[in-house]
Amino acid sequence: MSVDYNPWQEFRLATFGDPYLVWHDGADYTKLRRKWLLSRGSTADLLRLGLGAGDPLAAQSIAALAGQFRPPRDLLPALLDQLPAATGSFRVRVAQACFALTGEQRYGREILPVLREPGHWGPRIDAAIALREFAPTAELIDALAAAVCDVEYLVRYHSSSTLLTMSGLVGEVDKYPDLFARITSDSTPDMNRSAAAQLRGTALAEQRKKLA
């Protein structure tokens, strides 16, 4: 056997196909679910290897299985082992998988460090979108409002759209012309802050209404 043999990568390719298409189009979990039904133990072992390799798709796979089958809670320890040191999109997907297995809202807080991470905007977008799964809290709302002032337009866009969702409103931010004008690529920091303040206020008001 070659020293370069990697069971997780082999499983990943056979189950999900071309990594570029998985990244570009999203994963199709049909084969994964079939393999889970046919051989739960060996599939779980391979997903643990994927987590150990820091592959976000392994965590996403666990969340997908939890959405259709009895939550595979025996995989929770492997997720929790990774969470403290996880960064970027991997941390987002691990937190989402923990939430899918437990239903515990506290895992939303684990995504917030990624929303503030410097560097490439991709993980921050993943974080902003993932937070839509969680119940709004003042902490999540404040973090998203800060991200509406991010230097990257797409981070501002998705953070704004998530705050709209938390406000009980329908559609992405481009459906709201006044707000959209204040977070576009040619907007100013003052305009970003204005949009952030409005979105924060609306989301907090919706939260208070639900708690009343």
N, C-alpha and C. Protein backbone atom coordinates (compact mmCIF):
# COMPACT_ATOMS: atom_id res chain seq x y z
N MET A 1 0.84 -1.19 0.00
CA MET A 1 0.00 0.00 0.00
C MET A 1 0.88 1.25 0.00
N SER A 2 0.55 2.20 -0.82
CA SER A 2 1.33 3.42 -0.90
C SER A 2 1.26 4.19 0.42
N VAL A 3 2.39 4.81 0.78
CA VAL A 3 2.40 5.62 1.99
C VAL A 3 1.52 6.85 1.84
N ASP A 4 1.18 7.20 0.59
CA ASP A 4 0.34 8.37 0.34
C ASP A 4 -1.15 8.03 0.34
N TYR A 5 -1.48 6.76 0.57
CA TYR A 5 -2.88 6.35 0.55
C TYR A 5 -3.67 7.09 1.63
N ASN A 6 -4.77 7.66 1.23
CA ASN A 6 -5.60 8.44 2.16
C ASN A 6 -7.04 7.96 2.04
N PRO A 7 -7.51 7.15 3.00
CA PRO A 7 -8.88 6.60 2.89
C PRO A 7 -9.96 7.66 2.79
N TRP A 8 -9.79 8.77 3.53
CA TRP A 8 -10.81 9.80 3.47
C TRP A 8 -10.89 10.42 2.08
N GLN A 9 -9.75 10.75 1.49
CA GLN A 9 -9.76 11.37 0.17
C GLN A 9 -10.33 10.42 -0.88
N GLU A 10 -10.04 9.15 -0.76
CA GLU A 10 -10.61 8.17 -1.68
C GLU A 10 -12.14 8.11 -1.52
N PHE A 11 -12.58 8.06 -0.28
CA PHE A 11 -14.01 8.03 0.01
C PHE A 11 -14.69 9.32 -0.48
N ARG A 12 -14.04 10.44 -0.24
CA ARG A 12 -14.59 11.74 -0.66
C ARG A 12 -14.80 11.79 -2.16
N LEU A 13 -13.79 11.36 -2.91
CA LEU A 13 -13.88 11.40 -4.37
C LEU A 13 -14.95 10.44 -4.88
N ALA A 14 -15.01 9.24 -4.31
CA ALA A 14 -16.00 8.27 -4.76
C ALA A 14 -17.42 8.67 -4.39
N THR A 15 -17.57 9.37 -3.29
CA THR A 15 -18.90 9.71 -2.78
C THR A 15 -19.43 11.02 -3.35
N PHE A 16 -18.56 12.00 -3.51
CA PHE A 16 -19.00 13.35 -3.89
C PHE A 16 -18.52 13.81 -5.27
N GLY A 17 -17.49 13.15 -5.80
CA GLY A 17 -17.01 13.51 -7.12
C GLY A 17 -15.97 14.62 -7.11
N ASP A 18 -15.83 15.28 -8.22
CA ASP A 18 -14.81 16.30 -8.46
C ASP A 18 -14.84 17.37 -7.37
N PRO A 19 -13.73 17.56 -6.66
CA PRO A 19 -13.71 18.56 -5.58
C PRO A 19 -14.07 19.97 -6.05
N TYR A 20 -13.68 20.33 -7.27
CA TYR A 20 -14.04 21.66 -7.75
C TYR A 20 -15.55 21.81 -7.88
N LEU A 21 -16.22 20.78 -8.42
CA LEU A 21 -17.67 20.86 -8.57
C LEU A 21 -18.37 20.86 -7.21
N VAL A 22 -17.80 20.14 -6.26
CA VAL A 22 -18.36 20.16 -4.91
C VAL A 22 -18.29 21.58 -4.35
N TRP A 23 -17.14 22.21 -4.54
CA TRP A 23 -16.97 23.59 -4.06
C TRP A 23 -17.90 24.54 -4.81
N HIS A 24 -17.99 24.38 -6.11
CA HIS A 24 -18.72 25.33 -6.95
C HIS A 24 -20.23 25.15 -6.84
N ASP A 25 -20.69 23.89 -6.88
CA ASP A 25 -22.12 23.61 -6.95
C ASP A 25 -22.72 23.13 -5.63
N GLY A 26 -21.87 22.80 -4.67
CA GLY A 26 -22.36 22.20 -3.43
C GLY A 26 -22.37 20.69 -3.52
N ALA A 27 -22.35 20.05 -2.39
CA ALA A 27 -22.27 18.59 -2.35
C ALA A 27 -23.64 17.96 -2.55
N ASP A 28 -23.64 16.83 -3.25
CA ASP A 28 -24.81 15.97 -3.38
C ASP A 28 -24.61 14.81 -2.39
N TYR A 29 -25.51 14.68 -1.42
CA TYR A 29 -25.33 13.71 -0.35
C TYR A 29 -26.05 12.39 -0.61
N THR A 30 -26.52 12.18 -1.84
CA THR A 30 -27.28 10.96 -2.15
C THR A 30 -26.44 9.70 -1.90
N LYS A 31 -25.24 9.66 -2.45
CA LYS A 31 -24.39 8.48 -2.26
C LYS A 31 -23.99 8.32 -0.80
N LEU A 32 -23.74 9.42 -0.12
CA LEU A 32 -23.38 9.35 1.30
C LEU A 32 -24.49 8.68 2.10
N ARG A 33 -25.72 9.10 1.87
CA ARG A 33 -26.85 8.52 2.62
C ARG A 33 -26.99 7.04 2.32
N ARG A 34 -26.75 6.65 1.08
CA ARG A 34 -26.83 5.24 0.72
C ARG A 34 -25.74 4.45 1.45
N LYS A 35 -24.53 5.00 1.47
CA LYS A 35 -23.43 4.31 2.16
C LYS A 35 -23.69 4.24 3.66
N TRP A 36 -24.31 5.28 4.21
CA TRP A 36 -24.62 5.29 5.63
C TRP A 36 -25.59 4.16 5.98
N LEU A 37 -26.58 3.94 5.12
CA LEU A 37 -27.54 2.88 5.36
C LEU A 37 -26.92 1.50 5.20
N LEU A 38 -25.99 1.37 4.26
CA LEU A 38 -25.37 0.07 4.00
C LEU A 38 -24.28 -0.28 4.99
N SER A 39 -23.54 0.73 5.45
CA SER A 39 -22.40 0.45 6.32
C SER A 39 -22.15 1.65 7.24
N ARG A 40 -22.98 1.75 8.25
CA ARG A 40 -22.93 2.91 9.13
C ARG A 40 -21.59 3.04 9.83
N GLY A 41 -21.07 1.93 10.34
CA GLY A 41 -19.84 1.97 11.13
C GLY A 41 -18.63 2.43 10.32
N SER A 42 -18.44 1.84 9.14
CA SER A 42 -17.27 2.21 8.35
C SER A 42 -17.41 3.63 7.80
N THR A 43 -18.63 4.04 7.47
CA THR A 43 -18.83 5.41 7.00
C THR A 43 -18.54 6.41 8.11
N ALA A 44 -18.98 6.10 9.32
CA ALA A 44 -18.69 6.97 10.46
C ALA A 44 -17.18 7.07 10.69
N ASP A 45 -16.47 5.96 10.56
CA ASP A 45 -15.01 5.98 10.74
C ASP A 45 -14.35 6.89 9.70
N LEU A 46 -14.83 6.84 8.48
CA LEU A 46 -14.26 7.68 7.42
C LEU A 46 -14.58 9.15 7.65
N LEU A 47 -15.75 9.43 8.15
CA LEU A 47 -16.08 10.83 8.47
C LEU A 47 -15.20 11.35 9.60
N ARG A 48 -14.88 10.49 10.55
CA ARG A 48 -13.95 10.91 11.61
C ARG A 48 -12.57 11.22 11.02
N LEU A 49 -12.14 10.43 10.06
CA LEU A 49 -10.87 10.73 9.39
C LEU A 49 -10.94 12.08 8.68
N GLY A 50 -12.07 12.35 8.05
CA GLY A 50 -12.24 13.64 7.37
C GLY A 50 -12.18 14.81 8.34
N LEU A 51 -12.79 14.63 9.52
CA LEU A 51 -12.70 15.67 10.53
C LEU A 51 -11.26 15.86 10.99
N GLY A 52 -10.56 14.75 11.18
CA GLY A 52 -9.16 14.84 11.59
C GLY A 52 -8.30 15.54 10.56
N ALA A 53 -8.72 15.47 9.29
CA ALA A 53 -7.99 16.15 8.22
C ALA A 53 -8.41 17.60 8.07
N GLY A 54 -9.38 18.03 8.89
CA GLY A 54 -9.83 19.42 8.81
C GLY A 54 -10.64 19.73 7.58
N ASP A 55 -11.36 18.75 7.06
CA ASP A 55 -12.14 18.95 5.84
C ASP A 55 -13.55 19.39 6.19
N PRO A 56 -13.96 20.59 5.78
CA PRO A 56 -15.32 21.05 6.08
C PRO A 56 -16.40 20.11 5.58
N LEU A 57 -16.14 19.41 4.47
CA LEU A 57 -17.15 18.53 3.90
C LEU A 57 -17.49 17.37 4.83
N ALA A 58 -16.53 16.93 5.64
CA ALA A 58 -16.82 15.87 6.60
C ALA A 58 -17.85 16.34 7.62
N ALA A 59 -17.68 17.56 8.11
CA ALA A 59 -18.65 18.11 9.06
C ALA A 59 -20.00 18.35 8.39
N GLN A 60 -19.99 18.87 7.17
CA GLN A 60 -21.24 19.07 6.45
C GLN A 60 -21.97 17.76 6.22
N SER A 61 -21.22 16.70 6.00
CA SER A 61 -21.82 15.39 5.78
C SER A 61 -22.55 14.91 7.03
N ILE A 62 -21.95 15.15 8.18
CA ILE A 62 -22.59 14.75 9.44
C ILE A 62 -23.89 15.51 9.63
N ALA A 63 -23.87 16.81 9.35
CA ALA A 63 -25.09 17.61 9.46
C ALA A 63 -26.16 17.11 8.49
N ALA A 64 -25.75 16.74 7.27
CA ALA A 64 -26.71 16.24 6.28
C ALA A 64 -27.34 14.93 6.74
N LEU A 65 -26.54 14.05 7.33
CA LEU A 65 -27.08 12.79 7.84
C LEU A 65 -28.04 13.03 8.99
N ALA A 66 -27.71 13.99 9.84
CA ALA A 66 -28.57 14.31 10.98
C ALA A 66 -29.92 14.85 10.52
N GLY A 67 -29.94 15.46 9.36
CA GLY A 67 -31.18 16.03 8.85
C GLY A 67 -32.13 14.99 8.30
N GLN A 68 -31.65 13.78 8.00
CA GLN A 68 -32.51 12.78 7.39
C GLN A 68 -32.68 11.53 8.24
N PHE A 69 -31.67 11.20 9.03
CA PHE A 69 -31.70 9.99 9.84
C PHE A 69 -31.67 10.35 11.32
N ARG A 70 -31.77 9.32 12.14
CA ARG A 70 -31.56 9.53 13.58
C ARG A 70 -30.20 10.18 13.75
N PRO A 71 -30.12 11.31 14.46
CA PRO A 71 -28.84 12.02 14.57
C PRO A 71 -27.71 11.10 15.04
N PRO A 72 -26.64 11.01 14.28
CA PRO A 72 -25.51 10.13 14.64
C PRO A 72 -24.67 10.75 15.76
N ARG A 73 -25.22 10.75 16.98
CA ARG A 73 -24.58 11.44 18.09
C ARG A 73 -23.25 10.82 18.48
N ASP A 74 -22.99 9.60 18.03
CA ASP A 74 -21.68 9.01 18.33
C ASP A 74 -20.55 9.75 17.62
N LEU A 75 -20.90 10.61 16.65
CA LEU A 75 -19.89 11.43 15.97
C LEU A 75 -19.66 12.76 16.68
N LEU A 76 -20.49 13.07 17.66
CA LEU A 76 -20.35 14.35 18.36
C LEU A 76 -18.99 14.49 19.05
N PRO A 77 -18.47 13.47 19.74
CA PRO A 77 -17.14 13.64 20.37
C PRO A 77 -16.04 14.02 19.37
N ALA A 78 -16.10 13.45 18.17
CA ALA A 78 -15.09 13.80 17.17
C ALA A 78 -15.22 15.25 16.74
N LEU A 79 -16.44 15.74 16.63
CA LEU A 79 -16.65 17.16 16.30
C LEU A 79 -16.15 18.05 17.42
N LEU A 80 -16.48 17.70 18.65
CA LEU A 80 -16.07 18.52 19.79
C LEU A 80 -14.56 18.54 19.97
N ASP A 81 -13.90 17.45 19.60
CA ASP A 81 -12.43 17.42 19.65
C ASP A 81 -11.82 18.46 18.72
N GLN A 82 -12.48 18.68 17.58
CA GLN A 82 -11.94 19.59 16.57
C GLN A 82 -12.28 21.05 16.85
N LEU A 83 -13.39 21.29 17.51
CA LEU A 83 -13.93 22.65 17.60
C LEU A 83 -12.98 23.67 18.23
N PRO A 84 -12.30 23.37 19.35
CA PRO A 84 -11.50 24.42 20.00
C PRO A 84 -10.43 25.05 19.09
N ALA A 85 -9.78 24.25 18.30
CA ALA A 85 -8.68 24.77 17.47
C ALA A 85 -9.12 25.07 16.04
N ALA A 86 -10.35 24.74 15.68
CA ALA A 86 -10.81 24.92 14.30
C ALA A 86 -10.90 26.39 13.94
N THR A 87 -10.60 26.70 12.70
CA THR A 87 -10.70 28.07 12.19
C THR A 87 -11.41 28.04 10.84
N GLY A 88 -11.73 29.22 10.35
CA GLY A 88 -12.25 29.34 9.00
C GLY A 88 -13.52 28.56 8.76
N SER A 89 -13.71 28.16 7.52
CA SER A 89 -14.92 27.45 7.13
C SER A 89 -15.06 26.12 7.86
N PHE A 90 -13.94 25.51 8.21
CA PHE A 90 -14.02 24.25 8.95
C PHE A 90 -14.70 24.47 10.30
N ARG A 91 -14.38 25.54 10.98
CA ARG A 91 -15.02 25.83 12.26
C ARG A 91 -16.52 26.07 12.09
N VAL A 92 -16.88 26.79 11.04
CA VAL A 92 -18.30 27.04 10.77
C VAL A 92 -19.05 25.73 10.59
N ARG A 93 -18.50 24.83 9.78
CA ARG A 93 -19.19 23.57 9.48
C ARG A 93 -19.22 22.64 10.70
N VAL A 94 -18.18 22.67 11.51
CA VAL A 94 -18.18 21.86 12.73
C VAL A 94 -19.26 22.36 13.68
N ALA A 95 -19.35 23.67 13.85
CA ALA A 95 -20.38 24.23 14.73
C ALA A 95 -21.78 23.91 14.22
N GLN A 96 -21.98 24.00 12.91
CA GLN A 96 -23.28 23.66 12.34
C GLN A 96 -23.62 22.19 12.59
N ALA A 97 -22.63 21.32 12.45
CA ALA A 97 -22.87 19.89 12.66
C ALA A 97 -23.19 19.61 14.13
N CYS A 98 -22.50 20.28 15.04
CA CYS A 98 -22.81 20.13 16.47
C CYS A 98 -24.25 20.55 16.74
N PHE A 99 -24.66 21.64 16.13
CA PHE A 99 -26.04 22.12 16.29
C PHE A 99 -27.03 21.11 15.72
N ALA A 100 -26.71 20.56 14.55
CA ALA A 100 -27.60 19.58 13.92
C ALA A 100 -27.77 18.34 14.79
N LEU A 101 -26.72 17.96 15.50
CA LEU A 101 -26.78 16.75 16.33
C LEU A 101 -27.46 16.99 17.67
N THR A 102 -27.35 18.20 18.18
CA THR A 102 -27.81 18.46 19.55
C THR A 102 -29.00 19.40 19.65
N GLY A 103 -29.16 20.27 18.65
CA GLY A 103 -30.19 21.30 18.74
C GLY A 103 -29.85 22.42 19.70
N GLU A 104 -28.61 22.47 20.18
CA GLU A 104 -28.22 23.47 21.17
C GLU A 104 -27.77 24.76 20.48
N GLN A 105 -28.49 25.84 20.80
CA GLN A 105 -28.25 27.12 20.15
C GLN A 105 -26.87 27.70 20.47
N ARG A 106 -26.25 27.24 21.53
CA ARG A 106 -24.97 27.82 21.94
C ARG A 106 -23.89 27.68 20.87
N TYR A 107 -24.08 26.75 19.95
CA TYR A 107 -23.06 26.58 18.92
C TYR A 107 -23.02 27.73 17.92
N GLY A 108 -24.05 28.56 17.90
CA GLY A 108 -23.98 29.75 17.07
C GLY A 108 -22.85 30.67 17.48
N ARG A 109 -22.60 30.74 18.78
CA ARG A 109 -21.51 31.60 19.28
C ARG A 109 -20.15 31.13 18.77
N GLU A 110 -20.03 29.82 18.50
CA GLU A 110 -18.74 29.29 18.04
C GLU A 110 -18.40 29.75 16.63
N ILE A 111 -19.39 30.27 15.92
CA ILE A 111 -19.16 30.74 14.56
C ILE A 111 -18.64 32.18 14.54
N LEU A 112 -18.91 32.92 15.60
CA LEU A 112 -18.60 34.35 15.60
C LEU A 112 -17.12 34.67 15.39
N PRO A 113 -16.18 33.89 15.95
CA PRO A 113 -14.78 34.24 15.67
C PRO A 113 -14.44 34.24 14.18
N VAL A 114 -15.12 33.39 13.41
CA VAL A 114 -14.85 33.34 11.97
C VAL A 114 -15.35 34.60 11.29
N LEU A 115 -16.46 35.13 11.78
CA LEU A 115 -17.01 36.36 11.20
C LEU A 115 -16.05 37.53 11.38
N ARG A 116 -15.14 37.41 12.35
CA ARG A 116 -14.18 38.49 12.61
C ARG A 116 -12.78 38.16 12.11
N GLU A 117 -12.59 36.99 11.50
CA GLU A 117 -11.26 36.58 11.05
C GLU A 117 -10.77 37.48 9.92
N PRO A 118 -9.50 37.88 9.97
CA PRO A 118 -8.92 38.60 8.83
C PRO A 118 -8.63 37.62 7.70
N GLY A 119 -8.13 38.12 6.62
CA GLY A 119 -7.77 37.24 5.51
C GLY A 119 -8.88 37.12 4.50
N HIS A 120 -8.90 36.01 3.78
CA HIS A 120 -9.84 35.81 2.68
C HIS A 120 -11.28 35.90 3.19
N TRP A 121 -12.13 36.47 2.34
CA TRP A 121 -13.52 36.72 2.72
C TRP A 121 -14.40 35.47 2.74
N GLY A 122 -13.95 34.40 2.09
CA GLY A 122 -14.79 33.21 1.94
C GLY A 122 -15.33 32.66 3.26
N PRO A 123 -14.47 32.41 4.26
CA PRO A 123 -14.99 31.91 5.53
C PRO A 123 -15.95 32.87 6.22
N ARG A 124 -15.72 34.17 6.07
CA ARG A 124 -16.64 35.12 6.70
C ARG A 124 -18.03 35.06 6.05
N ILE A 125 -18.07 34.85 4.75
CA ILE A 125 -19.35 34.65 4.08
C ILE A 125 -20.03 33.39 4.60
N ASP A 126 -19.28 32.30 4.70
CA ASP A 126 -19.84 31.05 5.23
C ASP A 126 -20.43 31.28 6.62
N ALA A 127 -19.71 32.03 7.44
CA ALA A 127 -20.17 32.31 8.80
C ALA A 127 -21.46 33.12 8.78
N ALA A 128 -21.51 34.16 7.97
CA ALA A 128 -22.69 35.02 7.91
C ALA A 128 -23.92 34.24 7.47
N ILE A 129 -23.77 33.38 6.49
CA ILE A 129 -24.90 32.59 5.99
C ILE A 129 -25.31 31.53 7.02
N ALA A 130 -24.33 30.88 7.63
CA ALA A 130 -24.63 29.81 8.59
C ALA A 130 -25.43 30.31 9.78
N LEU A 131 -25.23 31.56 10.18
CA LEU A 131 -25.92 32.09 11.36
C LEU A 131 -27.43 32.20 11.16
N ARG A 132 -27.91 32.07 9.93
CA ARG A 132 -29.35 32.07 9.69
C ARG A 132 -30.03 30.87 10.35
N GLU A 133 -29.27 29.82 10.60
CA GLU A 133 -29.85 28.62 11.21
C GLU A 133 -30.17 28.82 12.68
N PHE A 134 -29.61 29.84 13.29
CA PHE A 134 -29.68 29.97 14.74
C PHE A 134 -30.68 31.04 15.15
N ALA A 135 -31.23 30.86 16.34
CA ALA A 135 -32.15 31.85 16.89
C ALA A 135 -31.40 33.15 17.16
N PRO A 136 -31.98 34.29 16.82
CA PRO A 136 -31.29 35.56 17.04
C PRO A 136 -31.06 35.82 18.53
N THR A 137 -29.88 36.25 18.85
CA THR A 137 -29.57 36.77 20.18
C THR A 137 -28.88 38.12 19.98
N ALA A 138 -28.82 38.90 21.04
CA ALA A 138 -28.14 40.20 20.93
C ALA A 138 -26.69 40.02 20.51
N GLU A 139 -26.05 38.96 20.99
CA GLU A 139 -24.65 38.72 20.64
C GLU A 139 -24.49 38.44 19.15
N LEU A 140 -25.34 37.58 18.59
CA LEU A 140 -25.26 37.27 17.17
C LEU A 140 -25.60 38.49 16.32
N ILE A 141 -26.63 39.22 16.74
CA ILE A 141 -27.04 40.41 15.99
C ILE A 141 -25.92 41.45 15.98
N ASP A 142 -25.29 41.69 17.12
CA ASP A 142 -24.20 42.67 17.19
C ASP A 142 -23.04 42.27 16.29
N ALA A 143 -22.71 40.97 16.28
CA ALA A 143 -21.60 40.50 15.46
C ALA A 143 -21.91 40.67 13.97
N LEU A 144 -23.12 40.36 13.59
CA LEU A 144 -23.51 40.53 12.19
C LEU A 144 -23.56 42.00 11.80
N ALA A 145 -24.01 42.86 12.69
CA ALA A 145 -24.04 44.29 12.40
C ALA A 145 -22.62 44.81 12.18
N ALA A 146 -21.67 44.33 12.98
CA ALA A 146 -20.27 44.72 12.76
C ALA A 146 -19.79 44.25 11.40
N ALA A 147 -20.24 43.06 10.98
CA ALA A 147 -19.82 42.51 9.68
C ALA A 147 -20.46 43.25 8.52
N VAL A 148 -21.54 43.97 8.74
CA VAL A 148 -22.13 44.82 7.69
C VAL A 148 -21.15 45.94 7.32
N CYS A 149 -20.18 46.20 8.17
CA CYS A 149 -19.14 47.20 7.90
C CYS A 149 -17.83 46.57 7.45
N ASP A 150 -17.86 45.30 7.08
CA ASP A 150 -16.66 44.61 6.61
C ASP A 150 -16.11 45.29 5.35
N VAL A 151 -14.81 45.14 5.15
CA VAL A 151 -14.19 45.76 3.96
C VAL A 151 -14.64 45.08 2.67
N GLU A 152 -15.12 43.84 2.75
CA GLU A 152 -15.51 43.09 1.56
C GLU A 152 -17.02 43.18 1.34
N TYR A 153 -17.38 43.54 0.12
CA TYR A 153 -18.79 43.72 -0.22
C TYR A 153 -19.62 42.47 0.05
N LEU A 154 -19.14 41.29 -0.36
CA LEU A 154 -19.94 40.08 -0.22
C LEU A 154 -20.18 39.71 1.24
N VAL A 155 -19.25 40.04 2.11
CA VAL A 155 -19.47 39.83 3.54
C VAL A 155 -20.57 40.76 4.02
N ARG A 156 -20.53 42.02 3.58
CA ARG A 156 -21.58 42.97 3.95
C ARG A 156 -22.94 42.48 3.44
N TYR A 157 -22.96 41.99 2.21
CA TYR A 157 -24.21 41.53 1.60
C TYR A 157 -24.84 40.40 2.41
N HIS A 158 -24.07 39.37 2.69
CA HIS A 158 -24.64 38.20 3.37
C HIS A 158 -24.92 38.47 4.84
N SER A 159 -24.13 39.31 5.47
CA SER A 159 -24.43 39.68 6.86
C SER A 159 -25.73 40.48 6.92
N SER A 160 -25.91 41.39 5.97
CA SER A 160 -27.15 42.17 5.90
C SER A 160 -28.35 41.26 5.67
N SER A 161 -28.20 40.31 4.77
CA SER A 161 -29.31 39.41 4.45
C SER A 161 -29.67 38.54 5.65
N THR A 162 -28.68 38.11 6.41
CA THR A 162 -28.97 37.31 7.60
C THR A 162 -29.68 38.15 8.64
N LEU A 163 -29.28 39.40 8.80
CA LEU A 163 -29.99 40.28 9.73
C LEU A 163 -31.43 40.52 9.29
N LEU A 164 -31.67 40.60 8.00
CA LEU A 164 -33.04 40.72 7.52
C LEU A 164 -33.85 39.48 7.91
N THR A 165 -33.25 38.31 7.76
CA THR A 165 -33.92 37.08 8.16
C THR A 165 -34.24 37.11 9.65
N MET A 166 -33.29 37.56 10.44
CA MET A 166 -33.50 37.64 11.89
C MET A 166 -34.55 38.69 12.25
N SER A 167 -34.81 39.60 11.33
CA SER A 167 -35.83 40.63 11.55
C SER A 167 -37.21 40.17 11.12
N GLY A 168 -37.29 38.95 10.59
CA GLY A 168 -38.56 38.43 10.13
C GLY A 168 -38.95 38.90 8.75
N LEU A 169 -37.98 39.44 8.00
CA LEU A 169 -38.24 39.94 6.66
C LEU A 169 -37.82 38.90 5.63
N VAL A 170 -38.41 39.00 4.43
CA VAL A 170 -38.22 38.01 3.39
C VAL A 170 -37.28 38.56 2.32
N GLY A 171 -36.39 37.71 1.82
CA GLY A 171 -35.54 38.09 0.69
C GLY A 171 -34.17 38.57 1.10
N GLU A 172 -33.29 38.61 0.11
CA GLU A 172 -31.93 39.10 0.32
C GLU A 172 -31.94 40.64 0.34
N VAL A 173 -30.82 41.21 0.75
CA VAL A 173 -30.77 42.66 0.94
C VAL A 173 -30.96 43.42 -0.36
N ASP A 174 -30.68 42.81 -1.51
CA ASP A 174 -30.87 43.53 -2.77
C ASP A 174 -32.36 43.75 -3.09
N LYS A 175 -33.24 43.14 -2.32
CA LYS A 175 -34.68 43.39 -2.49
C LYS A 175 -35.12 44.67 -1.76
N TYR A 176 -34.21 45.29 -1.04
CA TYR A 176 -34.50 46.49 -0.25
C TYR A 176 -33.58 47.61 -0.75
N PRO A 177 -34.00 48.38 -1.75
CA PRO A 177 -33.11 49.30 -2.47
C PRO A 177 -32.34 50.27 -1.57
N ASP A 178 -32.99 50.84 -0.56
CA ASP A 178 -32.30 51.82 0.26
C ASP A 178 -31.16 51.18 1.05
N LEU A 179 -31.43 50.04 1.66
CA LEU A 179 -30.38 49.33 2.40
C LEU A 179 -29.29 48.86 1.45
N PHE A 180 -29.70 48.32 0.32
CA PHE A 180 -28.73 47.77 -0.63
C PHE A 180 -27.76 48.85 -1.11
N ALA A 181 -28.28 50.04 -1.34
CA ALA A 181 -27.43 51.14 -1.80
C ALA A 181 -26.35 51.49 -0.78
N ARG A 182 -26.64 51.20 0.48
CA ARG A 182 -25.69 51.56 1.54
C ARG A 182 -24.66 50.46 1.85
N ILE A 183 -24.76 49.31 1.18
CA ILE A 183 -23.76 48.25 1.44
C ILE A 183 -23.09 47.77 0.16
N THR A 184 -23.34 48.43 -0.98
CA THR A 184 -22.76 47.99 -2.24
C THR A 184 -21.27 48.30 -2.30
N SER A 185 -20.65 47.84 -3.38
CA SER A 185 -19.19 47.94 -3.49
C SER A 185 -18.69 49.38 -3.53
N ASP A 186 -19.54 50.32 -3.96
CA ASP A 186 -19.09 51.71 -4.03
C ASP A 186 -19.66 52.56 -2.90
N SER A 187 -20.21 51.93 -1.86
CA SER A 187 -20.71 52.69 -0.72
C SER A 187 -19.55 53.12 0.17
N THR A 188 -19.81 54.05 1.06
CA THR A 188 -18.78 54.56 1.96
C THR A 188 -18.91 53.89 3.33
N PRO A 189 -17.85 53.95 4.16
CA PRO A 189 -17.96 53.41 5.52
C PRO A 189 -19.11 54.00 6.32
N ASP A 190 -19.37 55.30 6.15
CA ASP A 190 -20.50 55.91 6.85
C ASP A 190 -21.82 55.30 6.40
N MET A 191 -21.94 55.01 5.13
CA MET A 191 -23.16 54.38 4.62
C MET A 191 -23.30 52.97 5.18
N ASN A 192 -22.18 52.25 5.24
CA ASN A 192 -22.20 50.91 5.84
C ASN A 192 -22.68 50.96 7.28
N ARG A 193 -22.14 51.91 8.03
CA ARG A 193 -22.51 52.02 9.45
C ARG A 193 -23.99 52.38 9.60
N SER A 194 -24.49 53.20 8.69
CA SER A 194 -25.90 53.56 8.72
C SER A 194 -26.78 52.34 8.49
N ALA A 195 -26.41 51.54 7.49
CA ALA A 195 -27.16 50.31 7.22
C ALA A 195 -27.08 49.35 8.40
N ALA A 196 -25.88 49.22 8.96
CA ALA A 196 -25.69 48.32 10.10
C ALA A 196 -26.56 48.71 11.28
N ALA A 197 -26.62 50.01 11.57
CA ALA A 197 -27.42 50.48 12.70
C ALA A 197 -28.90 50.20 12.47
N GLN A 198 -29.38 50.43 11.24
CA GLN A 198 -30.79 50.16 10.95
C GLN A 198 -31.10 48.68 11.07
N LEU A 199 -30.26 47.84 10.48
CA LEU A 199 -30.49 46.40 10.52
C LEU A 199 -30.41 45.85 11.94
N ARG A 200 -29.45 46.35 12.69
CA ARG A 200 -29.32 45.92 14.09
C ARG A 200 -30.58 46.29 14.87
N GLY A 201 -31.03 47.52 14.71
CA GLY A 201 -32.21 47.97 15.44
C GLY A 201 -33.44 47.15 15.10
N THR A 202 -33.62 46.84 13.82
CA THR A 202 -34.79 46.07 13.40
C THR A 202 -34.74 44.64 13.95
N ALA A 203 -33.55 44.04 13.89
CA ALA A 203 -33.40 42.66 14.39
C ALA A 203 -33.59 42.59 15.90
N LEU A 204 -33.05 43.57 16.63
CA LEU A 204 -33.23 43.58 18.09
C LEU A 204 -34.69 43.81 18.46
N ALA A 205 -35.38 44.64 17.70
CA ALA A 205 -36.80 44.88 17.97
C ALA A 205 -37.61 43.60 17.76
N GLU A 206 -37.28 42.86 16.71
CA GLU A 206 -37.97 41.59 16.46
C GLU A 206 -37.67 40.58 17.57
N GLN A 207 -36.42 40.57 18.05
CA GLN A 207 -36.07 39.68 19.15
C GLN A 207 -36.87 40.02 20.40
N ARG A 208 -36.95 41.31 20.72
CA ARG A 208 -37.69 41.72 21.92
C ARG A 208 -39.18 41.36 21.80
N LYS A 209 -39.72 41.49 20.59
CA LYS A 209 -41.13 41.16 20.38
C LYS A 209 -41.38 39.67 20.63
N LYS A 210 -40.47 38.84 20.20
CA LYS A 210 -40.64 37.40 20.39
C LYS A 210 -40.47 36.98 21.84
N LEU A 211 -39.63 37.75 22.57
CA LEU A 211 -39.40 37.42 23.97
C LEU A 211 -40.50 37.96 24.88
N ALA A 212 -41.28 38.90 24.37
CA ALA A 212 -42.32 39.55 25.19
C ALA A 212 -43.46 38.57 25.53
